[in-house]
C-alpha atoms as a PDB file:
ATOM      1  CA  MET A   1     -45.064  47.732 -11.042  1.00  0.00           C
ATOM      2  CA  THR A   2     -46.553  47.006 -14.445  1.00  0.00           C
ATOM      3  CA  LEU A   3     -44.694  46.366 -17.674  1.00  0.00           C
ATOM      4  CA  ASP A   4     -45.930  49.730 -18.967  1.00  0.00           C
ATOM      5  CA  ALA A   5     -44.585  51.511 -15.877  1.00  0.00           C
ATOM      6  CA  PHE A   6     -41.261  49.703 -16.178  1.00  0.00           C
ATOM      7  CA  GLU A   7     -40.973  50.662 -19.832  1.00  0.00           C
ATOM      8  CA  ALA A   8     -41.969  54.270 -19.057  1.00  0.00           C
ATOM      9  CA  SER A   9     -39.190  54.430 -16.451  1.00  0.00           C
ATOM     10  CA  LEU A  10     -36.674  54.005 -19.272  1.00  0.00           C
ATOM     11  CA  ALA A  11     -37.147  57.710 -20.016  1.00  0.00           C
ATOM     12  CA  ASN A  12     -35.563  58.551 -16.654  1.00  0.00           C
ATOM     13  CA  PRO A  13     -31.804  58.887 -16.117  1.00  0.00           C
ATOM     14  CA  VAL A  14     -31.780  56.404 -13.209  1.00  0.00           C
ATOM     15  CA  PRO A  15     -33.707  53.189 -12.617  1.00  0.00           C
ATOM     16  CA  PRO A  16     -36.688  53.191 -10.282  1.00  0.00           C
ATOM     17  CA  SER A  17     -35.849  52.466  -6.677  1.00  0.00           C
ATOM     18  CA  GLY A  18     -36.604  49.036  -5.349  1.00  0.00           C
ATOM     19  CA  LEU A  19     -35.865  47.061  -8.509  1.00  0.00           C
ATOM     20  CA  THR A  20     -34.306  43.649  -8.089  1.00  0.00           C
ATOM     21  CA  PRO A  21     -30.774  43.403  -9.517  1.00  0.00           C
ATOM     22  CA  LEU A  22     -32.057  41.436 -12.521  1.00  0.00           C
ATOM     23  CA  LEU A  23     -34.743  43.984 -13.344  1.00  0.00           C
ATOM     24  CA  GLU A  24     -32.138  46.691 -12.946  1.00  0.00           C
ATOM     25  CA  ALA A  25     -29.896  44.761 -15.340  1.00  0.00           C
ATOM     26  CA  LEU A  26     -32.648  44.670 -17.954  1.00  0.00           C
ATOM     27  CA  TRP A  27     -33.345  48.358 -17.363  1.00  0.00           C
ATOM     28  CA  HIS A  28     -29.669  49.247 -17.988  1.00  0.00           C
ATOM     29  CA  GLU A  29     -29.462  47.022 -21.065  1.00  0.00           C
ATOM     30  CA  ARG A  30     -32.497  48.673 -22.575  1.00  0.00           C
ATOM     31  CA  ARG A  31     -30.933  52.087 -21.915  1.00  0.00           C
ATOM     32  CA  GLY A  32     -27.790  51.013 -23.794  1.00  0.00           C
ATOM     33  CA  ASN A  33     -25.505  50.132 -20.885  1.00  0.00           C
ATOM     34  CA  TRP A  34     -24.834  46.469 -21.692  1.00  0.00           C
ATOM     35  CA  ALA A  35     -21.713  46.360 -19.506  1.00  0.00           C
ATOM     36  CA  ARG A  36     -23.618  47.410 -16.356  1.00  0.00           C
ATOM     37  CA  ALA A  37     -26.415  45.000 -17.195  1.00  0.00           C
ATOM     38  CA  HIS A  38     -23.938  42.154 -17.590  1.00  0.00           C
ATOM     39  CA  GLU A  39     -22.191  43.047 -14.340  1.00  0.00           C
ATOM     40  CA  LEU A  40     -25.491  42.854 -12.455  1.00  0.00           C
ATOM     41  CA  ALA A  41     -26.709  39.648 -14.104  1.00  0.00           C
ATOM     42  CA  GLN A  42     -23.398  37.868 -13.723  1.00  0.00           C
ATOM     43  CA  ALA A  43     -23.565  38.320  -9.942  1.00  0.00           C
ATOM     44  CA  ILE A  44     -26.854  36.369  -9.675  1.00  0.00           C
ATOM     45  CA  GLU A  45     -26.140  32.653  -9.653  1.00  0.00           C
ATOM     46  CA  ASP A  46     -29.617  31.192  -9.959  1.00  0.00           C
ATOM     47  CA  VAL A  47     -31.870  30.139 -12.830  1.00  0.00           C
ATOM     48  CA  ALA A  48     -33.334  33.627 -13.271  1.00  0.00           C
ATOM     49  CA  GLY A  49     -29.836  35.122 -13.372  1.00  0.00           C
ATOM     50  CA  ALA A  50     -28.813  32.572 -15.991  1.00  0.00           C
ATOM     51  CA  ARG A  51     -31.864  33.473 -18.080  1.00  0.00           C
ATOM     52  CA  VAL A  52     -31.042  37.180 -18.045  1.00  0.00           C
ATOM     53  CA  HIS A  53     -27.379  36.384 -18.689  1.00  0.00           C
ATOM     54  CA  ALA A  54     -28.403  34.268 -21.710  1.00  0.00           C
ATOM     55  CA  TYR A  55     -30.553  37.079 -23.076  1.00  0.00           C
ATOM     56  CA  LEU A  56     -27.726  39.584 -22.677  1.00  0.00           C
ATOM     57  CA  HIS A  57     -25.265  37.428 -24.613  1.00  0.00           C
ATOM     58  CA  ARG A  58     -27.873  36.817 -27.288  1.00  0.00           C
ATOM     59  CA  ARG A  59     -28.416  40.578 -27.551  1.00  0.00           C
ATOM     60  CA  GLU A  60     -24.650  40.978 -27.793  1.00  0.00           C
ATOM     61  CA  GLY A  61     -24.570  38.477 -30.659  1.00  0.00           C
ATOM     62  CA  ASP A  62     -22.515  35.854 -28.782  1.00  0.00           C
ATOM     63  CA  LEU A  63     -24.835  32.936 -29.478  1.00  0.00           C
ATOM     64  CA  ALA A  64     -22.452  30.243 -28.222  1.00  0.00           C
ATOM     65  CA  ASN A  65     -22.165  31.946 -24.850  1.00  0.00           C
ATOM     66  CA  ALA A  66     -25.911  32.598 -24.821  1.00  0.00           C
ATOM     67  CA  GLY A  67     -26.498  28.888 -25.452  1.00  0.00           C
ATOM     68  CA  TYR A  68     -24.429  27.992 -22.413  1.00  0.00           C
ATOM     69  CA  TRP A  69     -26.507  30.320 -20.229  1.00  0.00           C
ATOM     70  CA  TYR A  70     -29.813  29.087 -21.646  1.00  0.00           C
ATOM     71  CA  ARG A  71     -28.732  25.575 -20.659  1.00  0.00           C
ATOM     72  CA  ARG A  72     -27.834  26.832 -17.170  1.00  0.00           C
ATOM     73  CA  ALA A  73     -31.315  28.375 -17.007  1.00  0.00           C
ATOM     74  CA  ALA A  74     -32.809  25.029 -18.099  1.00  0.00           C
ATOM     75  CA  ARG A  75     -34.434  26.752 -21.082  1.00  0.00           C
ATOM     76  CA  ARG A  76     -34.398  26.264 -24.811  1.00  0.00           C
ATOM     77  CA  ALA A  77     -32.368  28.906 -26.612  1.00  0.00           C
ATOM     78  CA  GLU A  78     -34.639  31.717 -27.744  1.00  0.00           C
ATOM     79  CA  THR A  79     -34.826  32.467 -31.454  1.00  0.00           C
ATOM     80  CA  GLY A  80     -37.659  34.991 -31.641  1.00  0.00           C
ATOM     81  CA  PRO A  81     -37.394  38.765 -31.597  1.00  0.00           C
ATOM     82  CA  LEU A  82     -35.095  40.081 -28.885  1.00  0.00           C
ATOM     83  CA  ASP A  83     -37.569  42.739 -27.804  1.00  0.00           C
ATOM     84  CA  GLU A  84     -40.209  40.082 -27.176  1.00  0.00           C
ATOM     85  CA  GLU A  85     -37.771  38.051 -25.108  1.00  0.00           C
ATOM     86  CA  TRP A  86     -36.854  41.150 -23.074  1.00  0.00           C
ATOM     87  CA  ARG A  87     -40.530  41.859 -22.351  1.00  0.00           C
ATOM     88  CA  ALA A  88     -41.244  38.239 -21.426  1.00  0.00           C
ATOM     89  CA  ILE A  89     -38.371  38.215 -18.941  1.00  0.00           C
ATOM     90  CA  VAL A  90     -39.459  41.536 -17.427  1.00  0.00           C
ATOM     91  CA  VAL A  91     -43.025  40.271 -17.047  1.00  0.00           C
ATOM     92  CA  ASP A  92     -41.785  37.109 -15.333  1.00  0.00           C
ATOM     93  CA  LEU A  93     -39.466  39.023 -13.008  1.00  0.00           C
ATOM     94  CA  LEU A  94     -42.243  41.459 -12.113  1.00  0.00           C
ATOM     95  CA  GLY A  95     -44.438  38.488 -11.289  1.00  0.00           C
ATOM     96  CA  LEU A  96     -47.169  39.547 -13.718  1.00  0.00           C
END
């Protein structure tokens, strides 16, 4: 799947089949369901899960909590536009 196809899928009422839980989390967040996105991301206990978790808390505005998750992801805390961070994570998770 391409980034464009992933973004186009946001017009649908359900996520595309076959998404990883983290891509599904980002799909739900973008559609306005932060709680479902957080539930999915919180269940993934690896570096990629921590990165998505950090992004979600940053989007929420909880920068202290986001900082904790960025450290767990071994990444510097992001400070740029949230939409750019979302796209960068999606691209990485899609393996593009």
